[in-house]
């Protein structure tokens, strides 16, 4: 006859098992899926894409190598970064074009050219 397992040990083990399953389902699994999506985006990166680095630098991809990427933050300036330093690839739908025809200027109270206060 097989030895019987005490009920007390099952009562203690089942809640711990449930906590482990919940932890896996809500924390570990979504994190792995997020990492996989980020890896796929970086693997699909190509010259001409707009990116943002983890430091907040916006740049255009010039060349993609195995684990590195060459970026051009401003015309004529090239920098090399590790692929893992790219926080996100900016899609054309995400870019907001600013009207460059009329530059904005900070207003200073009391400025004679400030028409709102000169009145």
Protein backbone atom coordinates (compact mmCIF):
# COMPACT_ATOMS: atom_id res chain seq x y z
CA UNK A 1 0.00 0.00 0.00
CA UNK A 2 1.50 3.38 -1.01
CA UNK A 3 2.26 5.87 1.72
CA UNK A 4 -0.38 8.56 2.09
CA UNK A 5 0.56 12.19 1.56
CA UNK A 6 -0.52 14.34 4.47
CA UNK A 7 -3.28 16.78 3.57
CA UNK A 8 -1.44 19.64 5.33
CA UNK A 9 1.45 19.53 2.86
CA UNK A 10 -0.97 19.65 -0.11
CA UNK A 11 -2.80 22.63 1.38
CA UNK A 12 0.52 24.44 1.70
CA UNK A 13 1.84 23.46 -1.74
CA UNK A 14 -1.24 24.30 -3.88
CA UNK A 15 -1.33 28.07 -3.10
CA UNK A 16 2.41 28.33 -3.81
CA UNK A 17 1.88 26.58 -7.13
CA UNK A 18 -1.00 28.92 -8.00
CA UNK A 19 1.14 31.98 -7.18
CA UNK A 20 3.90 30.66 -9.45
CA UNK A 21 1.43 30.10 -12.32
CA UNK A 22 -0.07 33.59 -11.93
CA UNK A 23 3.41 35.15 -11.75
CA UNK A 24 4.40 33.37 -14.97
CA UNK A 25 1.17 34.24 -16.78
CA UNK A 26 1.10 37.94 -15.89
CA UNK A 27 4.77 38.92 -15.62
CA UNK A 28 7.22 36.56 -17.29
CA UNK A 29 5.28 35.58 -20.41
CA UNK A 30 4.27 39.15 -21.45
CA UNK A 31 7.85 40.31 -20.85
CA UNK A 32 9.21 37.63 -23.17
CA UNK A 33 6.66 38.53 -25.84
CA UNK A 34 7.61 42.23 -25.57
CA UNK A 35 11.31 41.37 -25.93
CA UNK A 36 10.57 39.22 -28.97
CA UNK A 37 8.63 42.05 -30.66
CA UNK A 38 11.46 44.52 -29.92
CA UNK A 39 14.03 42.10 -31.35
CA UNK A 40 11.95 41.68 -34.53
CA UNK A 41 11.66 45.47 -34.98
CA UNK A 42 15.42 45.88 -34.63
CA UNK A 43 16.07 43.04 -37.08
CA UNK A 44 13.78 44.70 -39.67
CA UNK A 45 15.49 48.09 -39.31
CA UNK A 46 16.90 49.39 -42.59
CA UNK A 47 18.65 52.49 -43.94
CA UNK A 48 16.32 55.48 -44.11
CA UNK A 49 14.34 54.55 -40.97
CA UNK A 50 13.93 57.16 -38.26
CA UNK A 51 14.90 55.91 -34.79
CA UNK A 52 15.14 57.10 -31.21
CA UNK A 53 17.99 55.87 -29.01
CA UNK A 54 17.69 55.02 -25.34
CA UNK A 55 19.37 58.39 -24.64
CA UNK A 56 16.60 60.22 -26.53
CA UNK A 57 18.59 61.00 -29.69
CA UNK A 58 16.50 61.08 -32.87
CA UNK A 59 18.38 60.06 -36.01
CA UNK A 60 18.17 58.45 -39.43
CA UNK A 61 19.60 54.98 -39.99
CA UNK A 62 22.44 55.07 -42.54
CA UNK A 63 23.71 51.48 -42.35
CA UNK A 64 22.84 48.32 -40.42
CA UNK A 65 25.48 45.77 -39.39
CA UNK A 66 25.27 42.58 -37.28
CA UNK A 67 25.07 44.16 -33.83
CA UNK A 68 25.68 47.82 -34.71
CA UNK A 69 23.89 50.55 -36.59
CA UNK A 70 25.21 53.77 -38.11
CA UNK A 71 23.01 56.78 -37.40
CA UNK A 72 22.92 60.30 -38.80
CA UNK A 73 21.42 62.65 -36.19
CA UNK A 74 22.05 65.68 -38.43
CA UNK A 75 23.24 65.93 -42.04
CA UNK A 76 26.88 64.95 -42.37
CA UNK A 77 27.27 63.72 -38.79
CA UNK A 78 27.50 59.93 -38.40
CA UNK A 79 27.60 57.96 -35.17
CA UNK A 80 27.78 54.22 -34.52
CA UNK A 81 25.52 52.65 -31.87
CA UNK A 82 24.83 49.14 -30.70
CA UNK A 83 21.46 47.89 -31.91
CA UNK A 84 20.32 47.41 -28.33
CA UNK A 85 20.72 51.19 -27.81
CA UNK A 86 17.80 51.80 -30.18
CA UNK A 87 14.69 52.36 -28.08
CA UNK A 88 12.22 52.49 -30.96
CA UNK A 89 11.87 52.74 -34.70
CA UNK A 90 9.61 55.65 -35.55
CA UNK A 91 7.03 54.87 -38.19
CA UNK A 92 6.10 57.55 -40.77
CA UNK A 93 2.61 57.68 -39.21
CA UNK A 94 4.16 58.76 -35.88
CA UNK A 95 6.11 61.72 -37.33
CA UNK A 96 4.57 65.16 -36.92
CA UNK A 97 5.69 67.69 -39.51
CA UNK A 98 6.20 71.20 -38.16
CA UNK A 99 5.56 74.27 -40.31
CA UNK A 100 9.05 75.67 -40.85
CA UNK A 101 7.77 78.77 -42.68
CA UNK A 102 7.09 80.68 -39.48
CA UNK A 103 9.60 80.09 -36.67
CA UNK A 104 8.27 80.46 -33.17
CA UNK A 105 9.83 82.88 -30.71
CA UNK A 106 9.63 82.88 -26.94
CA UNK A 107 7.66 85.85 -25.64
CA UNK A 108 9.10 87.94 -22.86
CA UNK A 109 6.79 90.11 -20.73
CA UNK A 110 7.48 93.80 -21.36
CA UNK A 111 9.12 93.16 -24.74
CA UNK A 112 8.25 96.12 -27.05
CA UNK A 113 7.70 93.72 -29.97
CA UNK A 114 5.11 91.82 -27.94
CA UNK A 115 1.84 93.14 -29.39
CA UNK A 116 -0.36 91.64 -26.68
CA UNK A 117 1.22 93.63 -23.83
CA UNK A 118 1.97 96.80 -25.82
CA UNK A 119 -1.46 98.04 -25.75
